[in-house]
């Protein structure tokens, strides 16, 4: 039986998690078990292909912990920064567990000593990859309105041969 991967990661997010795994020198605790499972069972996508309802680094997400509302928080690589109060680091078990989940998806996490929690993504309020696509689409529409696909600025050419304005060497280059 084939099952869909539970997690979807961008190539960048996957690389960060792989580095976390490679740098870990402690015991193989529940956090590391989840990290190992996430690395092995995730679908990896380019940023342009990431669905907008998936939690990625930089996403603003509202979620539930054992049914109680939590967030919204911005998923961050570290707790530091100007919006530290809103940040949820992927180096914490909650931030890490949310990374790669789609809206409506839930994951049960082992906290150790037989305790578990269930985290469920309520909504992805914003996602950097989706915002980048929107900006790109807006730029594309502006180009369509003016009739140009790409705007070029004039380029100054330096000619090796005085009086010759063409930078194409033509047959003499052969």
N, C-alpha and C. Protein backbone atom coordinates (compact mmCIF):
# COMPACT_ATOMS: atom_id res chain seq x y z
N UNK A 1 0.84 -1.18 0.00
CA UNK A 1 0.00 0.00 0.00
C UNK A 1 0.89 1.24 0.00
N UNK A 2 0.60 2.17 -0.89
CA UNK A 2 1.36 3.42 -0.99
C UNK A 2 0.61 4.50 -0.23
N UNK A 3 1.35 5.24 0.59
CA UNK A 3 0.73 6.34 1.32
C UNK A 3 1.43 7.63 0.95
N UNK A 4 0.69 8.71 1.00
CA UNK A 4 1.27 10.03 0.74
C UNK A 4 2.16 10.43 1.91
N UNK A 5 3.25 11.14 1.63
CA UNK A 5 4.09 11.61 2.73
C UNK A 5 3.30 12.58 3.61
N UNK A 6 3.53 12.49 4.91
CA UNK A 6 2.83 13.37 5.84
C UNK A 6 3.41 14.77 5.82
N UNK A 7 4.69 14.89 5.50
CA UNK A 7 5.38 16.18 5.53
C UNK A 7 5.80 16.60 4.14
N UNK A 8 5.77 17.91 3.90
CA UNK A 8 6.26 18.49 2.65
C UNK A 8 7.26 19.57 3.03
N UNK A 9 8.47 19.45 2.55
CA UNK A 9 9.53 20.39 2.89
C UNK A 9 10.09 21.04 1.65
N UNK A 10 10.48 22.31 1.77
CA UNK A 10 11.23 22.93 0.69
C UNK A 10 12.65 22.37 0.73
N UNK A 11 13.38 22.54 -0.34
CA UNK A 11 14.77 22.07 -0.35
C UNK A 11 15.57 22.76 0.75
N UNK A 12 15.29 24.04 0.98
CA UNK A 12 15.99 24.79 2.03
C UNK A 12 15.66 24.22 3.41
N UNK A 13 14.37 24.01 3.69
CA UNK A 13 13.96 23.47 4.99
C UNK A 13 14.58 22.09 5.22
N UNK A 14 14.59 21.27 4.19
CA UNK A 14 15.18 19.93 4.31
C UNK A 14 16.67 20.03 4.61
N UNK A 15 17.37 20.94 3.95
CA UNK A 15 18.81 21.10 4.19
C UNK A 15 19.08 21.54 5.62
N UNK A 16 18.26 22.41 6.16
CA UNK A 16 18.43 22.87 7.55
C UNK A 16 18.19 21.71 8.52
N UNK A 17 17.15 20.92 8.27
CA UNK A 17 16.88 19.78 9.15
C UNK A 17 17.99 18.74 9.05
N UNK A 18 18.50 18.52 7.84
CA UNK A 18 19.59 17.57 7.68
C UNK A 18 20.83 18.04 8.45
N UNK A 19 21.10 19.34 8.42
CA UNK A 19 22.24 19.89 9.17
C UNK A 19 22.02 19.71 10.67
N UNK A 20 20.79 19.93 11.14
CA UNK A 20 20.48 19.71 12.56
C UNK A 20 20.75 18.26 12.94
N UNK A 21 20.35 17.35 12.08
CA UNK A 21 20.55 15.92 12.34
C UNK A 21 22.04 15.57 12.37
N UNK A 22 22.77 16.09 11.39
CA UNK A 22 24.20 15.80 11.29
C UNK A 22 25.00 16.38 12.46
N UNK A 23 24.56 17.52 13.00
CA UNK A 23 25.29 18.19 14.07
C UNK A 23 24.93 17.66 15.46
N UNK A 24 23.87 16.88 15.55
CA UNK A 24 23.42 16.40 16.86
C UNK A 24 24.41 15.39 17.44
N UNK A 25 24.78 15.60 18.67
CA UNK A 25 25.74 14.70 19.32
C UNK A 25 25.17 14.04 20.59
N UNK A 26 23.92 14.34 20.89
CA UNK A 26 23.32 13.81 22.12
C UNK A 26 22.62 12.48 21.88
N UNK A 27 21.78 12.09 22.83
CA UNK A 27 21.05 10.82 22.72
C UNK A 27 20.00 10.89 21.62
N UNK A 28 19.57 9.73 21.19
CA UNK A 28 18.52 9.63 20.18
C UNK A 28 17.17 9.70 20.89
N UNK A 29 16.85 10.90 21.39
CA UNK A 29 15.63 11.16 22.16
C UNK A 29 14.42 11.30 21.24
N UNK A 30 13.21 11.54 21.79
CA UNK A 30 12.02 11.65 20.94
C UNK A 30 12.14 12.74 19.87
N UNK A 31 12.81 13.87 20.18
CA UNK A 31 13.01 14.93 19.19
C UNK A 31 13.79 14.38 18.00
N UNK A 32 14.87 13.67 18.29
CA UNK A 32 15.70 13.13 17.22
C UNK A 32 14.98 12.03 16.44
N UNK A 33 14.13 11.28 17.11
CA UNK A 33 13.35 10.25 16.41
C UNK A 33 12.38 10.89 15.42
N UNK A 34 11.73 11.99 15.85
CA UNK A 34 10.83 12.71 14.95
C UNK A 34 11.62 13.34 13.81
N UNK A 35 12.78 13.90 14.11
CA UNK A 35 13.63 14.49 13.07
C UNK A 35 14.02 13.42 12.04
N UNK A 36 14.44 12.27 12.50
CA UNK A 36 14.81 11.18 11.61
C UNK A 36 13.62 10.76 10.75
N UNK A 37 12.45 10.61 11.37
CA UNK A 37 11.25 10.21 10.64
C UNK A 37 10.87 11.27 9.61
N UNK A 38 10.98 12.56 9.99
CA UNK A 38 10.62 13.64 9.08
C UNK A 38 11.58 13.68 7.88
N UNK A 39 12.85 13.49 8.12
CA UNK A 39 13.82 13.50 7.03
C UNK A 39 13.60 12.34 6.06
N UNK A 40 13.22 11.18 6.59
CA UNK A 40 13.06 10.00 5.75
C UNK A 40 11.73 9.97 4.99
N UNK A 41 10.70 10.60 5.55
CA UNK A 41 9.36 10.43 4.97
C UNK A 41 8.77 11.69 4.37
N UNK A 42 9.58 12.72 4.15
CA UNK A 42 9.05 13.97 3.61
C UNK A 42 9.13 14.00 2.10
N UNK A 43 8.15 14.66 1.52
CA UNK A 43 8.21 15.01 0.11
C UNK A 43 8.98 16.33 0.04
N UNK A 44 9.95 16.41 -0.84
CA UNK A 44 10.79 17.61 -0.94
C UNK A 44 10.44 18.32 -2.24
N UNK A 45 10.19 19.64 -2.12
CA UNK A 45 9.77 20.43 -3.28
C UNK A 45 10.61 21.68 -3.41
N UNK A 46 10.73 22.18 -4.63
CA UNK A 46 11.30 23.50 -4.82
C UNK A 46 10.33 24.52 -4.25
N UNK A 47 10.83 25.67 -3.85
CA UNK A 47 9.99 26.71 -3.26
C UNK A 47 8.82 27.08 -4.16
N UNK A 48 9.06 27.15 -5.48
CA UNK A 48 8.01 27.53 -6.43
C UNK A 48 6.88 26.51 -6.49
N UNK A 49 7.15 25.29 -6.08
CA UNK A 49 6.15 24.22 -6.17
C UNK A 49 5.45 23.93 -4.85
N UNK A 50 5.80 24.64 -3.79
CA UNK A 50 5.23 24.37 -2.47
C UNK A 50 3.79 24.89 -2.39
N UNK A 51 2.83 24.03 -2.04
CA UNK A 51 1.46 24.49 -1.88
C UNK A 51 1.37 25.57 -0.79
N UNK A 52 0.49 26.55 -0.94
CA UNK A 52 0.43 27.68 0.00
C UNK A 52 -0.13 27.31 1.38
N UNK A 53 -0.68 26.12 1.52
CA UNK A 53 -1.26 25.73 2.81
C UNK A 53 -0.33 24.85 3.64
N UNK A 54 0.96 24.82 3.29
CA UNK A 54 1.95 24.01 4.01
C UNK A 54 2.83 24.94 4.84
N UNK A 55 3.14 24.53 6.06
CA UNK A 55 3.98 25.32 6.96
C UNK A 55 5.44 25.17 6.55
N UNK A 56 6.07 26.30 6.23
CA UNK A 56 7.49 26.34 5.89
C UNK A 56 8.15 27.36 6.82
N UNK A 57 9.47 27.42 6.78
CA UNK A 57 10.17 28.44 7.56
C UNK A 57 9.68 29.81 7.13
N UNK A 58 9.39 30.65 8.10
CA UNK A 58 8.88 31.99 7.82
C UNK A 58 7.37 32.07 7.71
N UNK A 59 6.70 30.92 7.75
CA UNK A 59 5.23 30.92 7.67
C UNK A 59 4.63 31.41 8.98
N UNK A 60 3.52 32.13 8.86
CA UNK A 60 2.74 32.53 10.03
C UNK A 60 1.60 31.53 10.14
N UNK A 61 1.52 30.84 11.29
CA UNK A 61 0.60 29.72 11.42
C UNK A 61 -0.19 29.78 12.72
N UNK A 62 -1.46 29.43 12.62
CA UNK A 62 -2.31 29.23 13.80
C UNK A 62 -2.52 27.73 13.92
N UNK A 63 -2.44 27.22 15.13
CA UNK A 63 -2.49 25.77 15.33
C UNK A 63 -3.14 25.46 16.67
N UNK A 64 -3.29 24.18 16.94
CA UNK A 64 -3.87 23.72 18.20
C UNK A 64 -2.92 22.73 18.85
N UNK A 65 -2.85 22.81 20.18
CA UNK A 65 -2.09 21.84 20.97
C UNK A 65 -3.10 21.12 21.85
N UNK A 66 -3.28 19.84 21.60
CA UNK A 66 -4.29 19.04 22.32
C UNK A 66 -5.64 19.73 22.30
N UNK A 67 -6.01 20.32 21.17
CA UNK A 67 -7.31 20.95 21.00
C UNK A 67 -7.38 22.41 21.42
N UNK A 68 -6.40 22.90 22.16
CA UNK A 68 -6.40 24.30 22.61
C UNK A 68 -5.73 25.18 21.57
N UNK A 69 -6.33 26.35 21.24
CA UNK A 69 -5.72 27.23 20.24
C UNK A 69 -4.35 27.73 20.67
N UNK A 70 -3.45 27.85 19.70
CA UNK A 70 -2.11 28.38 19.93
C UNK A 70 -1.73 29.23 18.73
N UNK A 71 -0.86 30.20 18.98
CA UNK A 71 -0.40 31.07 17.91
C UNK A 71 -1.34 32.23 17.72
N UNK A 72 -1.22 32.94 16.64
CA UNK A 72 -0.34 32.63 15.52
C UNK A 72 1.12 32.94 15.85
N UNK A 73 1.98 32.13 15.26
CA UNK A 73 3.42 32.28 15.39
C UNK A 73 4.06 32.23 14.01
N UNK A 74 5.24 32.83 13.93
CA UNK A 74 6.04 32.74 12.71
C UNK A 74 7.11 31.70 12.95
N UNK A 75 7.15 30.69 12.10
CA UNK A 75 8.15 29.64 12.24
C UNK A 75 9.52 30.18 11.85
N UNK A 76 10.47 30.08 12.77
CA UNK A 76 11.80 30.65 12.57
C UNK A 76 12.86 29.60 12.82
N UNK A 77 14.03 29.84 12.24
CA UNK A 77 15.14 28.92 12.47
C UNK A 77 15.69 29.10 13.88
N UNK A 78 15.66 30.31 14.38
CA UNK A 78 16.14 30.64 15.73
C UNK A 78 15.09 31.45 16.46
N UNK A 79 15.23 31.60 17.78
CA UNK A 79 14.31 32.41 18.58
C UNK A 79 14.64 33.89 18.53
N UNK A 80 15.77 34.23 17.95
CA UNK A 80 16.25 35.60 17.97
C UNK A 80 15.60 36.42 16.88
N UNK A 81 15.72 37.75 17.01
CA UNK A 81 15.20 38.64 15.99
C UNK A 81 14.28 39.66 16.58
N UNK A 82 13.83 40.55 15.70
CA UNK A 82 13.02 41.65 16.18
C UNK A 82 11.62 41.22 16.61
N UNK A 83 11.09 40.15 16.04
CA UNK A 83 9.76 39.67 16.41
C UNK A 83 9.86 38.38 17.21
N UNK A 84 10.76 38.35 18.18
CA UNK A 84 11.00 37.13 18.95
C UNK A 84 9.75 36.67 19.70
N UNK A 85 8.88 37.60 20.08
CA UNK A 85 7.67 37.22 20.80
C UNK A 85 6.72 36.39 19.92
N UNK A 86 6.72 36.67 18.63
CA UNK A 86 5.87 35.94 17.69
C UNK A 86 6.55 34.72 17.10
N UNK A 87 7.86 34.61 17.31
CA UNK A 87 8.63 33.54 16.67
C UNK A 87 8.46 32.22 17.41
N UNK A 88 8.45 31.15 16.64
CA UNK A 88 8.45 29.80 17.17
C UNK A 88 9.58 29.06 16.45
N UNK A 89 10.64 28.78 17.17
CA UNK A 89 11.83 28.18 16.58
C UNK A 89 11.58 26.72 16.20
N UNK A 90 12.18 26.32 15.09
CA UNK A 90 12.11 24.91 14.70
C UNK A 90 13.03 24.07 15.57
N UNK A 91 13.77 24.71 16.45
CA UNK A 91 14.63 23.98 17.39
C UNK A 91 13.86 23.63 18.67
N UNK A 92 12.58 24.05 18.73
CA UNK A 92 11.69 23.61 19.80
C UNK A 92 10.84 22.48 19.24
N UNK A 93 10.33 21.64 20.10
CA UNK A 93 9.56 20.49 19.64
C UNK A 93 8.27 20.93 18.92
N UNK A 94 7.62 21.99 19.37
CA UNK A 94 6.39 22.44 18.70
C UNK A 94 6.68 23.02 17.33
N UNK A 95 7.67 23.92 17.25
CA UNK A 95 8.02 24.50 15.97
C UNK A 95 8.47 23.46 14.97
N UNK A 96 9.30 22.55 15.44
CA UNK A 96 9.80 21.49 14.58
C UNK A 96 8.67 20.58 14.10
N UNK A 97 7.75 20.24 14.99
CA UNK A 97 6.65 19.33 14.63
C UNK A 97 5.75 19.95 13.57
N UNK A 98 5.56 21.27 13.61
CA UNK A 98 4.67 21.93 12.66
C UNK A 98 5.27 22.04 11.25
N UNK A 99 6.59 22.12 11.17
CA UNK A 99 7.26 22.30 9.89
C UNK A 99 6.91 21.17 8.92
N UNK A 100 6.38 21.55 7.76
CA UNK A 100 6.06 20.56 6.74
C UNK A 100 4.64 20.05 6.76
N UNK A 101 3.85 20.43 7.78
CA UNK A 101 2.46 19.98 7.84
C UNK A 101 1.55 20.91 7.03
N UNK A 102 0.51 20.35 6.44
CA UNK A 102 -0.47 21.14 5.70
C UNK A 102 -1.64 21.49 6.62
N UNK A 103 -2.42 22.47 6.20
CA UNK A 103 -3.61 22.85 6.97
C UNK A 103 -4.48 21.62 7.22
N UNK A 104 -4.93 21.48 8.46
CA UNK A 104 -5.78 20.36 8.84
C UNK A 104 -5.01 19.14 9.30
N UNK A 105 -3.74 19.05 8.94
CA UNK A 105 -2.93 17.89 9.32
C UNK A 105 -2.55 17.97 10.79
N UNK A 106 -2.39 16.82 11.39
CA UNK A 106 -2.02 16.74 12.81
C UNK A 106 -0.89 15.74 12.98
N UNK A 107 -0.13 15.95 14.05
CA UNK A 107 0.95 15.03 14.37
C UNK A 107 0.96 14.85 15.89
N UNK A 108 1.17 13.62 16.31
CA UNK A 108 1.31 13.32 17.73
C UNK A 108 2.80 13.28 18.04
N UNK A 109 3.21 14.06 19.04
CA UNK A 109 4.62 14.11 19.38
C UNK A 109 4.85 13.50 20.75
N UNK A 110 5.95 12.79 20.85
CA UNK A 110 6.36 12.15 22.09
C UNK A 110 7.19 13.15 22.89
N UNK A 111 6.75 13.48 24.09
CA UNK A 111 7.48 14.42 24.93
C UNK A 111 8.41 13.70 25.89
N UNK A 112 8.44 12.40 25.85
CA UNK A 112 9.25 11.61 26.78
C UNK A 112 8.45 11.24 28.01
N UNK A 113 8.92 10.30 28.77
CA UNK A 113 8.25 9.84 29.99
C UNK A 113 6.80 9.45 29.75
N UNK A 114 6.48 8.95 28.56
CA UNK A 114 5.14 8.48 28.25
C UNK A 114 4.14 9.57 27.94
N UNK A 115 4.57 10.82 27.92
CA UNK A 115 3.65 11.94 27.63
C UNK A 115 3.67 12.25 26.13
N UNK A 116 2.48 12.54 25.59
CA UNK A 116 2.37 12.93 24.19
C UNK A 116 1.50 14.17 24.07
N UNK A 117 1.63 14.86 22.97
CA UNK A 117 0.78 15.98 22.62
C UNK A 117 0.42 15.84 21.15
N UNK A 118 -0.75 16.36 20.81
CA UNK A 118 -1.16 16.38 19.41
C UNK A 118 -1.20 17.82 18.95
N UNK A 119 -0.48 18.10 17.88
CA UNK A 119 -0.48 19.42 17.26
C UNK A 119 -1.22 19.33 15.94
N UNK A 120 -2.11 20.29 15.69
CA UNK A 120 -2.84 20.32 14.44
C UNK A 120 -2.77 21.72 13.85
N UNK A 121 -2.46 21.79 12.57
CA UNK A 121 -2.39 23.07 11.88
C UNK A 121 -3.81 23.52 11.56
N UNK A 122 -4.19 24.66 12.11
CA UNK A 122 -5.51 25.23 11.78
C UNK A 122 -5.46 25.95 10.45
N UNK A 123 -4.56 26.93 10.35
CA UNK A 123 -4.44 27.68 9.11
C UNK A 123 -3.05 28.26 8.95
N UNK A 124 -2.60 28.29 7.72
CA UNK A 124 -1.34 28.96 7.37
C UNK A 124 -1.75 30.37 6.93
N UNK A 125 -1.49 31.34 7.78
CA UNK A 125 -1.92 32.71 7.52
C UNK A 125 -1.08 33.38 6.43
N UNK A 126 0.19 33.05 6.39
CA UNK A 126 1.07 33.54 5.30
C UNK A 126 2.23 32.56 5.17
N UNK A 127 2.76 32.51 3.95
CA UNK A 127 3.88 31.62 3.67
C UNK A 127 4.82 32.35 2.71
N UNK A 128 6.11 32.41 3.01
CA UNK A 128 7.04 33.16 2.16
C UNK A 128 7.03 32.70 0.70
N UNK A 129 6.93 31.43 0.46
CA UNK A 129 6.94 30.93 -0.92
C UNK A 129 5.71 31.40 -1.69
N UNK A 130 4.54 31.38 -1.05
CA UNK A 130 3.31 31.84 -1.70
C UNK A 130 3.37 33.35 -1.95
N UNK A 131 3.93 34.10 -1.00
CA UNK A 131 4.05 35.54 -1.18
C UNK A 131 4.99 35.87 -2.33
N UNK A 132 6.08 35.11 -2.47
CA UNK A 132 7.01 35.33 -3.58
C UNK A 132 6.32 35.06 -4.92
N UNK A 133 5.50 34.02 -4.98
CA UNK A 133 4.77 33.73 -6.22
C UNK A 133 3.79 34.85 -6.55
N UNK A 134 3.12 35.39 -5.51
CA UNK A 134 2.18 36.48 -5.74
C UNK A 134 2.90 37.71 -6.29
N UNK A 135 4.07 38.04 -5.70
CA UNK A 135 4.85 39.18 -6.20
C UNK A 135 5.27 38.94 -7.64
N UNK A 136 5.69 37.73 -7.95
CA UNK A 136 6.10 37.40 -9.31
C UNK A 136 4.93 37.52 -10.27
N UNK A 137 3.76 37.06 -9.87
CA UNK A 137 2.57 37.17 -10.71
C UNK A 137 2.19 38.62 -10.94
N UNK A 138 2.31 39.44 -9.90
CA UNK A 138 2.01 40.87 -10.04
C UNK A 138 2.96 41.51 -11.04
N UNK A 139 4.24 41.19 -10.97
CA UNK A 139 5.21 41.73 -11.92
C UNK A 139 4.88 41.26 -13.33
N UNK A 140 4.43 40.04 -13.46
CA UNK A 140 4.06 39.51 -14.77
C UNK A 140 2.87 40.24 -15.35
N UNK A 141 1.89 40.57 -14.51
CA UNK A 141 0.71 41.29 -14.99
C UNK A 141 1.08 42.70 -15.44
N UNK A 142 1.99 43.33 -14.75
CA UNK A 142 2.43 44.67 -15.14
C UNK A 142 3.07 44.59 -16.52
N UNK A 143 3.89 43.57 -16.75
CA UNK A 143 4.52 43.38 -18.06
C UNK A 143 3.50 43.15 -19.14
N UNK A 144 2.43 42.41 -18.85
CA UNK A 144 1.40 42.14 -19.84
C UNK A 144 0.66 43.40 -20.21
N UNK A 145 0.41 44.27 -19.22
CA UNK A 145 -0.32 45.50 -19.48
C UNK A 145 0.46 46.43 -20.39
N UNK A 146 1.76 46.47 -20.27
CA UNK A 146 2.58 47.36 -21.10
C UNK A 146 2.99 46.70 -22.40
N UNK A 147 2.70 45.42 -22.56
CA UNK A 147 3.06 44.73 -23.78
C UNK A 147 4.48 44.17 -23.75
N UNK A 148 5.19 44.34 -22.65
CA UNK A 148 6.55 43.83 -22.54
C UNK A 148 6.59 42.69 -21.54
N UNK A 149 7.36 41.69 -21.85
CA UNK A 149 7.53 40.61 -20.91
C UNK A 149 8.64 40.95 -19.94
N UNK A 150 9.74 41.45 -20.47
CA UNK A 150 10.89 41.81 -19.66
C UNK A 150 11.34 43.19 -20.08
N UNK A 151 11.61 44.04 -19.11
CA UNK A 151 12.13 45.37 -19.40
C UNK A 151 13.65 45.32 -19.37
N UNK A 152 14.27 45.82 -20.43
CA UNK A 152 15.72 45.88 -20.49
C UNK A 152 16.16 47.33 -20.45
N UNK A 153 17.27 47.57 -19.81
CA UNK A 153 17.84 48.91 -19.86
C UNK A 153 18.87 48.91 -20.96
N UNK A 154 19.12 50.07 -21.56
CA UNK A 154 20.11 50.12 -22.64
C UNK A 154 21.48 49.73 -22.10
N UNK A 155 22.25 49.07 -22.93
CA UNK A 155 23.57 48.63 -22.55
C UNK A 155 24.61 49.36 -23.38
N UNK A 156 25.61 49.85 -22.70
CA UNK A 156 26.71 50.51 -23.39
C UNK A 156 27.64 49.42 -23.89
N UNK A 157 28.03 49.52 -25.15
CA UNK A 157 28.93 48.51 -25.70
C UNK A 157 30.30 49.13 -25.91
N UNK A 158 31.28 48.36 -25.61
CA UNK A 158 32.66 48.80 -25.85
C UNK A 158 33.18 48.00 -27.04
N UNK A 159 33.55 48.69 -28.06
CA UNK A 159 34.01 48.03 -29.27
C UNK A 159 35.53 47.98 -29.30
N UNK A 160 36.05 46.86 -29.75
CA UNK A 160 37.50 46.72 -29.89
C UNK A 160 37.98 47.40 -31.18
N UNK A 161 37.05 47.53 -32.10
CA UNK A 161 37.40 48.13 -33.39
C UNK A 161 36.73 49.48 -33.49
N UNK A 162 37.51 50.56 -33.60
CA UNK A 162 36.91 51.89 -33.71
C UNK A 162 35.95 51.96 -34.89
N UNK A 163 34.81 52.58 -34.64
CA UNK A 163 33.82 52.76 -35.69
C UNK A 163 32.94 51.55 -35.91
N UNK A 164 33.13 50.49 -35.13
CA UNK A 164 32.33 49.28 -35.28
C UNK A 164 31.41 49.17 -34.07
N UNK A 165 30.09 49.32 -34.25
CA UNK A 165 29.13 49.36 -33.14
C UNK A 165 28.59 47.98 -32.79
N UNK A 166 28.88 46.97 -33.53
CA UNK A 166 28.34 45.64 -33.28
C UNK A 166 29.30 44.84 -32.40
N UNK A 167 28.78 44.29 -31.26
CA UNK A 167 29.65 43.51 -30.39
C UNK A 167 29.70 42.03 -30.79
N UNK A 168 29.03 41.68 -31.88
CA UNK A 168 29.07 40.31 -32.39
C UNK A 168 30.31 40.15 -33.26
N UNK A 169 31.25 39.27 -32.89
CA UNK A 169 32.47 39.17 -33.67
C UNK A 169 32.25 38.53 -35.05
N UNK A 170 31.14 37.85 -35.25
CA UNK A 170 30.81 37.29 -36.54
C UNK A 170 31.83 36.26 -37.02
N UNK A 171 31.95 36.11 -38.34
CA UNK A 171 32.82 35.08 -38.89
C UNK A 171 34.31 35.27 -38.57
N UNK A 172 34.72 36.50 -38.31
CA UNK A 172 36.14 36.71 -38.07
C UNK A 172 36.60 36.07 -36.76
N UNK A 173 35.65 35.70 -35.90
CA UNK A 173 36.00 35.05 -34.62
C UNK A 173 36.42 33.61 -34.83
N UNK A 174 36.02 33.06 -35.96
CA UNK A 174 36.33 31.66 -36.24
C UNK A 174 37.71 31.49 -36.61
